[in-house]
Amino acid sequence: MWGSYPAPATYADLMLESVIADKKRLRALVRESRAARTPEEITALAGPIADALERLVERLSARRVACFLSSPVEVPTREFLRRARESGLEVLLPLPKPEGRLEWVLDTGAERQHPLLRVPEPVGEPEPGDALATADLIIVPAALVDREGYRLGWGGGFYDRALADRDAPVYALVHDDEVVDAVPRETHDRPVAGVLTPNKNFTVTS
C-alpha cells in the first residue's frame, strides 16, 4: 500500500521517541548541573547523607545493604561505606559487566576505576548466585527522581535489569534539587520505594 515509502509511525511510536529524547535532554542538563558543583560542595554532603542512610538502615533493621561507589559529582557514599565497615554492616557494591548486567562485591574499601565506563568499581570476588536477593535495602544512583518515585537513570539499563522483581525496598540517592515533579516514563519503568537526599528524604506512597 505504501510503495517504497515507510508506513507512518503510530502515535505510540511517536510518544516513545519523544520520551527517549526528553530523557536524553534531561540527562545532559543534570550532567551540566553536577559539573558546576565544587568538590567542597560535594564533600559537605558526606556527613548528612551518611546520617540519613544510617537512620534508614536502622528503621528497616537491614543487615545487608546494596549501595554504590559515588563518582566525584554524585551524592557521596564513601562516608556511609566507611561507617558500615566499622560497624560490621555488610554492603554490596555493583560491578558492571560488558553484557549490561551487574555483579555484586562485598565492600572492603578497595576500589578502582572501570576501564571503559570510567566509574569507580569495587575490587574483589563477586558474590555467588543472585547476591542482590540477599540485600534488605537497595540504594541506587539516579539522575532525577520524581515525587511518585519514578527514577531517571543514565541510560545503560544496568539497574533496570538488576531491580526487576525485587522484594527489598529500593531508594534512589540524588541531590536535593534533583527531586522533580515528574520525569519521562517508559512502560518498563517502575517507581522506587523512596528517595534520599541530604535534606529531602521521603518514602513514596502509592
C-alpha atoms as a PDB file:
ATOM      1  CA  MET A   1       0.000   0.000   0.000  1.00  0.00           C
ATOM      2  CA  TRP A   2       2.770   2.398   0.844  1.00  0.00           C
ATOM      3  CA  GLY A   3       5.027   1.504  -2.090  1.00  0.00           C
ATOM      4  CA  SER A   4       8.678   2.345  -1.385  1.00  0.00           C
ATOM      5  CA  TYR A   5       7.797   4.697   1.483  1.00  0.00           C
ATOM      6  CA  PRO A   6       7.760   3.518   5.098  1.00  0.00           C
ATOM      7  CA  ALA A   7       4.413   3.340   6.842  1.00  0.00           C
ATOM      8  CA  PRO A   8       3.724   6.347   9.085  1.00  0.00           C
ATOM      9  CA  ALA A   9       4.732   5.958  12.736  1.00  0.00           C
ATOM     10  CA  THR A  10       1.986   5.151  15.178  1.00  0.00           C
ATOM     11  CA  TYR A  11       1.142   7.531  17.996  1.00  0.00           C
ATOM     12  CA  ALA A  12       2.758   5.087  20.400  1.00  0.00           C
ATOM     13  CA  ASP A  13       5.981   5.163  18.358  1.00  0.00           C
ATOM     14  CA  LEU A  14       5.985   8.937  18.310  1.00  0.00           C
ATOM     15  CA  MET A  15       5.342   9.153  22.037  1.00  0.00           C
ATOM     16  CA  LEU A  16       8.175   6.707  22.740  1.00  0.00           C
ATOM     17  CA  GLU A  17      10.530   8.730  20.561  1.00  0.00           C
ATOM     18  CA  SER A  18       9.537  11.840  22.495  1.00  0.00           C
ATOM     19  CA  VAL A  19      10.122  10.163  25.868  1.00  0.00           C
ATOM     20  CA  ILE A  20      13.543   8.902  24.802  1.00  0.00           C
ATOM     21  CA  ALA A  21      14.506  12.351  23.515  1.00  0.00           C
ATOM     22  CA  ASP A  22      13.274  14.003  26.722  1.00  0.00           C
ATOM     23  CA  LYS A  23      15.305  11.567  28.834  1.00  0.00           C
ATOM     24  CA  LYS A  24      18.431  12.297  26.808  1.00  0.00           C
ATOM     25  CA  ARG A  25      17.923  16.044  27.154  1.00  0.00           C
ATOM     26  CA  LEU A  26      17.363  15.831  30.913  1.00  0.00           C
ATOM     27  CA  ARG A  27      20.446  13.663  31.421  1.00  0.00           C
ATOM     28  CA  ALA A  28      22.535  16.278  29.637  1.00  0.00           C
ATOM     29  CA  LEU A  29      21.097  19.022  31.855  1.00  0.00           C
ATOM     30  CA  VAL A  30      21.834  17.034  35.020  1.00  0.00           C
ATOM     31  CA  ARG A  31      25.399  16.338  33.890  1.00  0.00           C
ATOM     32  CA  GLU A  32      25.899  20.058  33.267  1.00  0.00           C
ATOM     33  CA  SER A  33      24.423  20.960  36.656  1.00  0.00           C
ATOM     34  CA  ARG A  34      26.535  18.401  38.504  1.00  0.00           C
ATOM     35  CA  ALA A  35      29.707  19.516  36.739  1.00  0.00           C
ATOM     36  CA  ALA A  36      29.136  23.002  38.168  1.00  0.00           C
ATOM     37  CA  ARG A  37      29.213  21.736  41.773  1.00  0.00           C
ATOM     38  CA  THR A  38      32.506  22.311  43.545  1.00  0.00           C
ATOM     39  CA  PRO A  39      34.386  19.495  45.290  1.00  0.00           C
ATOM     40  CA  GLU A  40      33.814  21.368  48.559  1.00  0.00           C
ATOM     41  CA  GLU A  41      30.037  21.326  47.995  1.00  0.00           C
ATOM     42  CA  ILE A  42      30.102  17.589  47.354  1.00  0.00           C
ATOM     43  CA  THR A  43      32.320  16.845  50.348  1.00  0.00           C
ATOM     44  CA  ALA A  44      29.996  18.792  52.651  1.00  0.00           C
ATOM     45  CA  LEU A  45      27.181  16.347  51.826  1.00  0.00           C
ATOM     46  CA  ALA A  46      29.064  13.258  53.029  1.00  0.00           C
ATOM     47  CA  GLY A  47      28.096  13.509  56.699  1.00  0.00           C
ATOM     48  CA  PRO A  48      24.408  14.379  56.221  1.00  0.00           C
ATOM     49  CA  ILE A  49      23.832  11.616  53.672  1.00  0.00           C
ATOM     50  CA  ALA A  50      25.663   9.056  55.814  1.00  0.00           C
ATOM     51  CA  ASP A  51      23.429  10.062  58.743  1.00  0.00           C
ATOM     52  CA  ALA A  52      20.317   9.677  56.586  1.00  0.00           C
ATOM     53  CA  LEU A  53      21.417   6.271  55.301  1.00  0.00           C
ATOM     54  CA  GLU A  54      22.204   5.039  58.821  1.00  0.00           C
ATOM     55  CA  ARG A  55      18.751   6.093  60.008  1.00  0.00           C
ATOM     56  CA  LEU A  56      17.132   4.252  57.112  1.00  0.00           C
ATOM     57  CA  VAL A  57      19.185   1.108  57.780  1.00  0.00           C
ATOM     58  CA  GLU A  58      18.160   1.213  61.434  1.00  0.00           C
ATOM     59  CA  ARG A  59      14.485   1.819  60.652  1.00  0.00           C
ATOM     60  CA  LEU A  60      14.392  -1.146  58.270  1.00  0.00           C
ATOM     61  CA  SER A  61      16.578  -3.348  60.523  1.00  0.00           C
ATOM     62  CA  ALA A  62      18.705  -4.031  57.459  1.00  0.00           C
ATOM     63  CA  ARG A  63      21.584  -6.456  57.946  1.00  0.00           C
ATOM     64  CA  ARG A  64      22.909  -6.339  54.388  1.00  0.00           C
ATOM     65  CA  VAL A  65      22.632  -3.317  52.090  1.00  0.00           C
ATOM     66  CA  ALA A  66      23.336  -2.822  48.397  1.00  0.00           C
ATOM     67  CA  CYS A  67      24.801   0.585  47.625  1.00  0.00           C
ATOM     68  CA  PHE A  68      27.245   2.065  45.090  1.00  0.00           C
ATOM     69  CA  LEU A  69      30.555   3.893  44.876  1.00  0.00           C
ATOM     70  CA  SER A  70      29.732   7.500  44.045  1.00  0.00           C
ATOM     71  CA  SER A  71      31.502   9.365  41.259  1.00  0.00           C
ATOM     72  CA  PRO A  72      33.025  12.794  42.095  1.00  0.00           C
ATOM     73  CA  VAL A  73      29.811  14.644  41.156  1.00  0.00           C
ATOM     74  CA  GLU A  74      27.286  12.317  42.807  1.00  0.00           C
ATOM     75  CA  VAL A  75      25.944  12.480  46.331  1.00  0.00           C
ATOM     76  CA  PRO A  76      28.912  10.964  48.213  1.00  0.00           C
ATOM     77  CA  THR A  77      28.564   7.448  49.617  1.00  0.00           C
ATOM     78  CA  ARG A  78      32.044   6.710  50.956  1.00  0.00           C
ATOM     79  CA  GLU A  79      31.463   8.109  54.441  1.00  0.00           C
ATOM     80  CA  PHE A  80      28.479   5.791  54.805  1.00  0.00           C
ATOM     81  CA  LEU A  81      30.547   2.892  53.471  1.00  0.00           C
ATOM     82  CA  ARG A  82      33.325   3.659  55.962  1.00  0.00           C
ATOM     83  CA  ARG A  83      30.879   3.709  58.866  1.00  0.00           C
ATOM     84  CA  ALA A  84      29.280   0.481  57.628  1.00  0.00           C
ATOM     85  CA  ARG A  85      32.633  -1.305  57.573  1.00  0.00           C
ATOM     86  CA  GLU A  86      33.397  -0.103  61.098  1.00  0.00           C
ATOM     87  CA  SER A  87      30.008  -1.243  62.414  1.00  0.00           C
ATOM     88  CA  GLY A  88      30.084  -4.613  60.668  1.00  0.00           C
ATOM     89  CA  LEU A  89      27.175  -3.853  58.312  1.00  0.00           C
ATOM     90  CA  GLU A  90      27.666  -5.767  55.065  1.00  0.00           C
ATOM     91  CA  VAL A  91      27.405  -3.648  51.920  1.00  0.00           C
ATOM     92  CA  LEU A  92      27.227  -4.994  48.383  1.00  0.00           C
ATOM     93  CA  LEU A  93      28.671  -2.808  45.613  1.00  0.00           C
ATOM     94  CA  PRO A  94      27.915  -3.185  41.884  1.00  0.00           C
ATOM     95  CA  LEU A  95      30.446  -4.466  39.393  1.00  0.00           C
ATOM     96  CA  PRO A  96      29.334  -3.635  35.810  1.00  0.00           C
ATOM     97  CA  LYS A  97      29.766  -6.393  33.256  1.00  0.00           C
ATOM     98  CA  PRO A  98      30.046  -5.938  29.470  1.00  0.00           C
ATOM     99  CA  GLU A  99      26.680  -7.536  28.715  1.00  0.00           C
ATOM    100  CA  GLY A 100      24.844  -4.843  30.689  1.00  0.00           C
ATOM    101  CA  ARG A 101      24.329  -6.705  33.953  1.00  0.00           C
ATOM    102  CA  LEU A 102      25.663  -6.113  37.453  1.00  0.00           C
ATOM    103  CA  GLU A 103      27.561  -8.472  39.684  1.00  0.00           C
ATOM    104  CA  TRP A 104      27.949  -7.652  43.374  1.00  0.00           C
ATOM    105  CA  VAL A 105      31.061  -7.485  45.553  1.00  0.00           C
ATOM    106  CA  LEU A 106      31.200  -7.088  49.347  1.00  0.00           C
ATOM    107  CA  ASP A 107      32.732  -3.709  50.185  1.00  0.00           C
ATOM    108  CA  THR A 108      36.212  -3.847  51.703  1.00  0.00           C
ATOM    109  CA  GLY A 109      37.238  -0.278  50.919  1.00  0.00           C
ATOM    110  CA  ALA A 110      39.279  -1.334  47.885  1.00  0.00           C
ATOM    111  CA  GLU A 111      38.270   0.246  44.584  1.00  0.00           C
ATOM    112  CA  ARG A 112      39.484   1.104  41.099  1.00  0.00           C
ATOM    113  CA  GLN A 113      38.166   2.875  38.010  1.00  0.00           C
ATOM    114  CA  HIS A 114      36.265   0.870  35.422  1.00  0.00           C
ATOM    115  CA  PRO A 115      38.454   0.975  32.278  1.00  0.00           C
ATOM    116  CA  LEU A 116      35.576   1.595  29.864  1.00  0.00           C
ATOM    117  CA  LEU A 117      32.748   3.219  31.819  1.00  0.00           C
ATOM    118  CA  ARG A 118      35.163   5.439  33.783  1.00  0.00           C
ATOM    119  CA  VAL A 119      33.231   4.986  37.006  1.00  0.00           C
ATOM    120  CA  PRO A 120      34.537   3.658  40.331  1.00  0.00           C
ATOM    121  CA  GLU A 121      34.041  -0.042  40.976  1.00  0.00           C
ATOM    122  CA  PRO A 122      34.891  -2.344  43.901  1.00  0.00           C
ATOM    123  CA  VAL A 123      37.854  -4.695  43.915  1.00  0.00           C
ATOM    124  CA  GLY A 124      37.079  -8.242  44.980  1.00  0.00           C
ATOM    125  CA  GLU A 125      35.463 -11.502  44.004  1.00  0.00           C
ATOM    126  CA  PRO A 126      31.768 -11.267  43.020  1.00  0.00           C
ATOM    127  CA  GLU A 127      29.328 -12.896  45.416  1.00  0.00           C
ATOM    128  CA  PRO A 128      27.867 -16.150  44.054  1.00  0.00           C
ATOM    129  CA  GLY A 129      24.351 -16.548  42.724  1.00  0.00           C
ATOM    130  CA  ASP A 130      21.772 -13.789  42.905  1.00  0.00           C
ATOM    131  CA  ALA A 131      23.614 -11.734  45.532  1.00  0.00           C
ATOM    132  CA  LEU A 132      21.239  -8.780  45.250  1.00  0.00           C
ATOM    133  CA  ALA A 133      18.428 -11.004  46.523  1.00  0.00           C
ATOM    134  CA  THR A 134      20.242 -11.159  49.881  1.00  0.00           C
ATOM    135  CA  ALA A 135      20.062  -7.388  50.423  1.00  0.00           C
ATOM    136  CA  ASP A 136      17.498  -5.991  52.863  1.00  0.00           C
ATOM    137  CA  LEU A 137      17.792  -2.494  51.367  1.00  0.00           C
ATOM    138  CA  ILE A 138      18.958  -1.329  47.938  1.00  0.00           C
ATOM    139  CA  ILE A 139      20.386   2.174  47.388  1.00  0.00           C
ATOM    140  CA  VAL A 140      20.695   3.193  43.728  1.00  0.00           C
ATOM    141  CA  PRO A 141      22.050   6.197  41.844  1.00  0.00           C
ATOM    142  CA  ALA A 142      19.865   8.319  39.599  1.00  0.00           C
ATOM    143  CA  ALA A 143      19.945  11.467  37.522  1.00  0.00           C
ATOM    144  CA  LEU A 144      16.485  12.611  38.650  1.00  0.00           C
ATOM    145  CA  VAL A 145      13.614  11.176  40.685  1.00  0.00           C
ATOM    146  CA  ASP A 146      10.051  12.435  40.729  1.00  0.00           C
ATOM    147  CA  ARG A 147       7.688  12.637  43.681  1.00  0.00           C
ATOM    148  CA  GLU A 148       5.953   9.408  42.695  1.00  0.00           C
ATOM    149  CA  GLY A 149       9.279   7.577  42.832  1.00  0.00           C
ATOM    150  CA  TYR A 150       9.967   7.259  39.123  1.00  0.00           C
ATOM    151  CA  ARG A 151      13.698   7.356  38.500  1.00  0.00           C
ATOM    152  CA  LEU A 152      15.609   8.699  35.539  1.00  0.00           C
ATOM    153  CA  GLY A 153      18.785   6.648  35.222  1.00  0.00           C
ATOM    154  CA  TRP A 154      21.760   7.211  32.961  1.00  0.00           C
ATOM    155  CA  GLY A 155      20.566   5.120  30.036  1.00  0.00           C
ATOM    156  CA  GLY A 156      22.684   1.998  30.357  1.00  0.00           C
ATOM    157  CA  GLY A 157      19.857  -0.176  31.659  1.00  0.00           C
ATOM    158  CA  PHE A 158      22.073  -1.826  34.302  1.00  0.00           C
ATOM    159  CA  TYR A 159      19.723  -1.041  37.176  1.00  0.00           C
ATOM    160  CA  ASP A 160      16.542  -1.647  35.183  1.00  0.00           C
ATOM    161  CA  ARG A 161      17.728  -5.233  34.728  1.00  0.00           C
ATOM    162  CA  ALA A 162      19.078  -5.628  38.260  1.00  0.00           C
ATOM    163  CA  LEU A 163      15.980  -4.281  40.002  1.00  0.00           C
ATOM    164  CA  ALA A 164      13.345  -6.259  38.132  1.00  0.00           C
ATOM    165  CA  ASP A 165      11.068  -8.178  40.526  1.00  0.00           C
ATOM    166  CA  ARG A 166      12.971  -7.287  43.712  1.00  0.00           C
ATOM    167  CA  ASP A 167      11.294  -7.564  47.092  1.00  0.00           C
ATOM    168  CA  ALA A 168      13.714  -5.382  49.084  1.00  0.00           C
ATOM    169  CA  PRO A 169      12.881  -1.664  49.250  1.00  0.00           C
ATOM    170  CA  VAL A 170      14.782   0.415  46.701  1.00  0.00           C
ATOM    171  CA  TYR A 171      15.782   4.012  47.500  1.00  0.00           C
ATOM    172  CA  ALA A 172      17.264   6.437  44.978  1.00  0.00           C
ATOM    173  CA  LEU A 173      20.058   8.772  46.092  1.00  0.00           C
ATOM    174  CA  VAL A 174      20.211  12.228  44.483  1.00  0.00           C
ATOM    175  CA  HIS A 175      20.951  15.873  45.241  1.00  0.00           C
ATOM    176  CA  ASP A 176      18.189  17.989  46.783  1.00  0.00           C
ATOM    177  CA  ASP A 177      17.410  19.818  43.528  1.00  0.00           C
ATOM    178  CA  GLU A 178      17.155  16.569  41.566  1.00  0.00           C
ATOM    179  CA  VAL A 179      13.756  15.666  43.039  1.00  0.00           C
ATOM    180  CA  VAL A 180      11.264  16.942  40.468  1.00  0.00           C
ATOM    181  CA  ASP A 181       7.520  16.867  39.852  1.00  0.00           C
ATOM    182  CA  ALA A 182       7.724  14.329  37.015  1.00  0.00           C
ATOM    183  CA  VAL A 183      10.224  12.512  34.818  1.00  0.00           C
ATOM    184  CA  PRO A 184       9.572  10.973  31.374  1.00  0.00           C
ATOM    185  CA  ARG A 185       8.413   7.367  31.689  1.00  0.00           C
ATOM    186  CA  GLU A 186       8.506   4.283  29.525  1.00  0.00           C
ATOM    187  CA  THR A 187       6.313   1.235  30.065  1.00  0.00           C
ATOM    188  CA  HIS A 188       9.118  -0.745  31.727  1.00  0.00           C
ATOM    189  CA  ASP A 189       9.886   1.989  34.294  1.00  0.00           C
ATOM    190  CA  ARG A 190       8.972   1.160  37.896  1.00  0.00           C
ATOM    191  CA  PRO A 191       8.951   3.502  40.909  1.00  0.00           C
ATOM    192  CA  VAL A 192      11.389   3.187  43.772  1.00  0.00           C
ATOM    193  CA  ALA A 193      10.158   2.899  47.356  1.00  0.00           C
ATOM    194  CA  GLY A 194      11.737   6.141  48.465  1.00  0.00           C
ATOM    195  CA  VAL A 195      14.169   8.949  47.810  1.00  0.00           C
ATOM    196  CA  LEU A 196      17.179  10.023  49.839  1.00  0.00           C
ATOM    197  CA  THR A 197      18.768  13.446  49.530  1.00  0.00           C
ATOM    198  CA  PRO A 198      20.807  15.384  52.081  1.00  0.00           C
ATOM    199  CA  ASN A 199      17.668  17.287  53.165  1.00  0.00           C
ATOM    200  CA  LYS A 200      14.534  15.883  51.482  1.00  0.00           C
ATOM    201  CA  ASN A 201      14.236  12.216  52.373  1.00  0.00           C
ATOM    202  CA  PHE A 202      10.824  10.665  51.818  1.00  0.00           C
ATOM    203  CA  THR A 203       9.048   7.369  51.239  1.00  0.00           C
ATOM    204  CA  VAL A 204       6.861   7.109  48.175  1.00  0.00           C
ATOM    205  CA  THR A 205       3.208   6.455  48.934  1.00  0.00           C
ATOM    206  CA  SER A 206       1.172   4.599  46.338  1.00  0.00           C
END
